[in-house]
Amino acid sequence: NDAQFFITKTDASWLNGQYTNFGIVTKGMDVVNKIDVGDKILGIIIE
């Protein structure tokens, strides 16, 4: 199975009604700010 998720740094109203908001970034915004459009996230740890 594949999954996708979105980390948005600005309003993303185009996602409304299509996807469920399930969390917020509480730590590591420095890492989020280094992500560029098109980057591929190969792994993630959710605590």
N, C-alpha and C. Protein backbone atom coordinates (compact mmCIF):
# COMPACT_ATOMS: atom_id res chain seq x y z
N ASN A 1 0.83 -1.19 0.00
CA ASN A 1 0.00 0.00 0.00
C ASN A 1 0.87 1.24 0.00
N ASP A 2 0.43 2.22 -0.72
CA ASP A 2 1.10 3.52 -0.73
C ASP A 2 0.28 4.51 0.08
N ALA A 3 0.95 5.50 0.59
CA ALA A 3 0.27 6.58 1.30
C ALA A 3 0.95 7.89 0.93
N GLN A 4 0.23 8.94 1.06
CA GLN A 4 0.83 10.25 0.86
C GLN A 4 0.30 11.18 1.92
N PHE A 5 1.10 12.18 2.24
CA PHE A 5 0.64 13.20 3.17
C PHE A 5 1.23 14.52 2.74
N PHE A 6 0.65 15.58 3.21
CA PHE A 6 1.08 16.92 2.85
C PHE A 6 1.55 17.64 4.10
N ILE A 7 2.69 18.29 4.01
CA ILE A 7 3.15 19.22 5.03
C ILE A 7 3.08 20.59 4.37
N THR A 8 2.16 21.42 4.83
CA THR A 8 1.99 22.73 4.21
C THR A 8 2.50 23.82 5.13
N LYS A 9 3.15 24.80 4.54
CA LYS A 9 3.66 25.94 5.31
C LYS A 9 2.78 27.17 5.13
N THR A 10 1.83 27.10 4.22
CA THR A 10 0.87 28.19 4.01
C THR A 10 -0.51 27.57 3.84
N ASP A 11 -1.52 28.41 3.76
CA ASP A 11 -2.88 27.93 3.55
C ASP A 11 -2.94 27.05 2.30
N ALA A 12 -3.64 25.94 2.42
CA ALA A 12 -3.79 25.02 1.29
C ALA A 12 -5.27 24.69 1.13
N SER A 13 -6.07 25.73 0.89
CA SER A 13 -7.52 25.55 0.82
C SER A 13 -7.94 24.57 -0.28
N TRP A 14 -7.09 24.36 -1.27
CA TRP A 14 -7.41 23.40 -2.34
C TRP A 14 -7.48 21.97 -1.82
N LEU A 15 -6.98 21.73 -0.59
CA LEU A 15 -7.07 20.40 0.01
C LEU A 15 -8.38 20.20 0.78
N ASN A 16 -9.08 21.30 1.09
CA ASN A 16 -10.31 21.22 1.89
C ASN A 16 -11.34 20.32 1.22
N GLY A 17 -11.94 19.45 2.02
CA GLY A 17 -12.98 18.58 1.52
C GLY A 17 -12.47 17.36 0.78
N GLN A 18 -11.16 17.27 0.57
CA GLN A 18 -10.60 16.13 -0.15
C GLN A 18 -9.73 15.25 0.75
N TYR A 19 -9.15 15.86 1.78
CA TYR A 19 -8.21 15.15 2.64
C TYR A 19 -8.50 15.49 4.10
N THR A 20 -8.12 14.59 4.99
CA THR A 20 -8.32 14.79 6.42
C THR A 20 -7.08 15.39 7.04
N ASN A 21 -7.25 16.45 7.81
CA ASN A 21 -6.16 17.04 8.57
C ASN A 21 -5.96 16.18 9.81
N PHE A 22 -4.76 15.62 9.98
CA PHE A 22 -4.57 14.72 11.11
C PHE A 22 -3.45 15.11 12.05
N GLY A 23 -2.81 16.22 11.85
CA GLY A 23 -1.75 16.59 12.78
C GLY A 23 -1.11 17.91 12.44
N ILE A 24 -0.22 18.33 13.33
CA ILE A 24 0.55 19.54 13.13
C ILE A 24 2.01 19.24 13.48
N VAL A 25 2.91 20.01 12.94
CA VAL A 25 4.33 19.88 13.27
C VAL A 25 4.54 20.59 14.60
N THR A 26 4.99 19.86 15.62
CA THR A 26 5.21 20.46 16.94
C THR A 26 6.69 20.66 17.24
N LYS A 27 7.55 19.95 16.54
CA LYS A 27 9.00 20.10 16.67
C LYS A 27 9.62 19.89 15.30
N GLY A 28 10.76 20.51 15.09
CA GLY A 28 11.49 20.26 13.85
C GLY A 28 11.11 21.14 12.69
N MET A 29 10.56 22.32 12.96
CA MET A 29 10.22 23.22 11.85
C MET A 29 11.45 23.60 11.05
N ASP A 30 12.63 23.56 11.66
CA ASP A 30 13.85 23.83 10.91
C ASP A 30 14.02 22.82 9.79
N VAL A 31 13.64 21.58 10.05
CA VAL A 31 13.71 20.53 9.02
C VAL A 31 12.65 20.78 7.96
N VAL A 32 11.43 21.10 8.38
CA VAL A 32 10.35 21.38 7.44
C VAL A 32 10.75 22.52 6.50
N ASN A 33 11.37 23.54 7.04
CA ASN A 33 11.75 24.70 6.23
C ASN A 33 12.84 24.39 5.22
N LYS A 34 13.53 23.27 5.37
CA LYS A 34 14.57 22.86 4.41
C LYS A 34 14.00 22.03 3.26
N ILE A 35 12.75 21.58 3.38
CA ILE A 35 12.13 20.77 2.33
C ILE A 35 11.75 21.66 1.16
N ASP A 36 12.17 21.26 -0.03
CA ASP A 36 11.85 22.00 -1.25
C ASP A 36 10.79 21.25 -2.06
N VAL A 37 10.07 21.98 -2.88
CA VAL A 37 9.08 21.37 -3.77
C VAL A 37 9.78 20.29 -4.59
N GLY A 38 9.18 19.10 -4.63
CA GLY A 38 9.74 18.00 -5.40
C GLY A 38 10.65 17.08 -4.61
N ASP A 39 11.06 17.50 -3.39
CA ASP A 39 11.88 16.61 -2.56
C ASP A 39 11.09 15.36 -2.22
N LYS A 40 11.78 14.25 -2.13
CA LYS A 40 11.16 12.98 -1.79
C LYS A 40 11.56 12.62 -0.36
N ILE A 41 10.57 12.44 0.50
CA ILE A 41 10.82 12.03 1.88
C ILE A 41 10.87 10.51 1.90
N LEU A 42 12.01 9.97 2.27
CA LEU A 42 12.21 8.52 2.21
C LEU A 42 11.85 7.82 3.51
N GLY A 43 11.73 8.56 4.58
CA GLY A 43 11.36 7.96 5.86
C GLY A 43 10.86 9.02 6.81
N ILE A 44 10.08 8.59 7.79
CA ILE A 44 9.54 9.51 8.77
C ILE A 44 9.28 8.76 10.07
N ILE A 45 9.48 9.44 11.18
CA ILE A 45 9.16 8.87 12.49
C ILE A 45 8.06 9.73 13.09
N ILE A 46 6.94 9.12 13.43
CA ILE A 46 5.83 9.83 14.06
C ILE A 46 5.72 9.34 15.49
N GLU A 47 5.81 10.27 16.42
CA GLU A 47 5.73 9.91 17.84
C GLU A 47 4.44 10.39 18.44
